[in-house]
Protein backbone atom coordinates (compact mmCIF):
# COMPACT_ATOMS: atom_id res chain seq x y z
CA UNK A 1 9.09 8.26 -8.09
CA UNK A 2 6.50 5.94 -9.62
CA UNK A 3 8.15 6.34 -13.03
CA UNK A 4 11.62 5.60 -11.65
CA UNK A 5 10.46 2.59 -9.63
CA UNK A 6 8.54 1.27 -12.62
CA UNK A 7 11.46 1.76 -15.02
CA UNK A 8 14.15 0.14 -12.87
CA UNK A 9 12.36 -2.60 -10.90
CA UNK A 10 9.89 -5.41 -11.45
CA UNK A 11 6.80 -6.24 -9.37
CA UNK A 12 7.85 -7.99 -6.18
CA UNK A 13 11.37 -6.51 -6.18
CA UNK A 14 12.75 -5.05 -2.96
CA UNK A 15 13.56 -1.33 -2.94
CA UNK A 16 15.72 0.05 -0.13
CA UNK A 17 15.71 3.75 0.74
CA UNK A 18 18.16 4.71 3.52
CA UNK A 19 16.94 8.32 3.44
CA UNK A 20 13.18 7.77 3.37
CA UNK A 21 12.14 11.32 4.24
CA UNK A 22 8.36 11.56 4.05
CA UNK A 23 8.01 8.14 2.36
CA UNK A 24 7.60 9.07 -1.30
CA UNK A 25 9.61 6.07 -2.50
CA UNK A 26 7.65 3.76 -0.21
CA UNK A 27 4.32 5.07 -1.50
CA UNK A 28 5.44 4.45 -5.08
CA UNK A 29 6.51 0.92 -4.14
CA UNK A 30 3.16 0.12 -2.51
CA UNK A 31 1.23 1.44 -5.52
CA UNK A 32 3.39 -0.55 -7.97
CA UNK A 33 3.55 -3.83 -6.05
CA UNK A 34 7.15 -3.59 -4.90
CA UNK A 35 8.45 -4.41 -1.44
CA UNK A 36 10.02 -1.55 0.47
CA UNK A 37 12.45 -1.04 3.33
CA UNK A 38 13.21 2.51 4.39
CA UNK A 39 14.59 4.28 7.39
CA UNK A 40 14.76 7.86 8.53
CA UNK A 41 16.64 9.49 11.41
CA UNK A 42 14.42 12.57 11.77
CA UNK A 43 11.41 11.75 13.95
CA UNK A 44 9.12 14.24 12.19
CA UNK A 45 9.90 12.80 8.77
CA UNK A 46 9.53 9.28 10.13
CA UNK A 47 6.06 10.06 11.52
CA UNK A 48 5.02 11.64 8.23
CA UNK A 49 6.28 8.62 6.28
CA UNK A 50 4.44 6.15 8.50
CA UNK A 51 1.21 8.12 8.09
CA UNK A 52 1.59 8.29 4.30
CA UNK A 53 2.47 4.61 3.95
CA UNK A 54 -0.46 3.49 6.10
CA UNK A 55 -2.81 5.79 4.17
CA UNK A 56 -1.62 4.44 0.84
CA UNK A 57 -2.00 0.85 1.99
CA UNK A 58 -5.50 1.61 3.29
CA UNK A 59 -6.51 3.21 -0.02
CA UNK A 60 -5.45 0.11 -1.92
CA UNK A 61 -7.33 -2.20 0.45
CA UNK A 62 -10.54 -0.15 0.53
CA UNK A 63 -11.99 -1.40 -2.81
CA UNK A 64 -11.39 -5.02 -1.74
CA UNK A 65 -13.24 -4.42 1.53
CA UNK A 66 -16.19 -2.88 -0.31
CA UNK A 67 -16.45 -5.91 -2.60
CA UNK A 68 -16.39 -8.27 0.38
CA UNK A 69 -19.06 -6.25 2.18
CA UNK A 70 -21.32 -6.41 -0.88
CA UNK A 71 -20.75 -10.15 -1.36
CA UNK A 72 -21.46 -11.23 2.20
CA UNK A 73 -25.17 -10.30 2.11
CA UNK A 74 -25.52 -12.05 -1.27
CA UNK A 75 -24.08 -15.27 0.11
CA UNK A 76 -26.27 -15.03 3.20
CA UNK A 77 -29.38 -14.49 1.04
CA UNK A 78 -28.50 -17.36 -1.30
CA UNK A 79 -27.99 -19.70 1.66
CA UNK A 80 -31.29 -18.70 3.22
CA UNK A 81 -33.25 -19.63 0.06
CA UNK A 82 -32.04 -23.25 0.02
């Protein structure tokens, strides 16, 4: 799905998937910087999609959180020296 999303959309585009299943299209959109709207009638597939989408979003945010955690002590130390 990443290849298809990349080939036919641009970053920031909105992709709509009326048969979201387990969220594969949504995961590709998150990874490639596209917006995504999807829906699914089956409750089991919906739950799986939500879990996958949240996990993908968390993976992308994790490196940013690590950088912030490393920077905060440096700023605190620099301020204490003044």
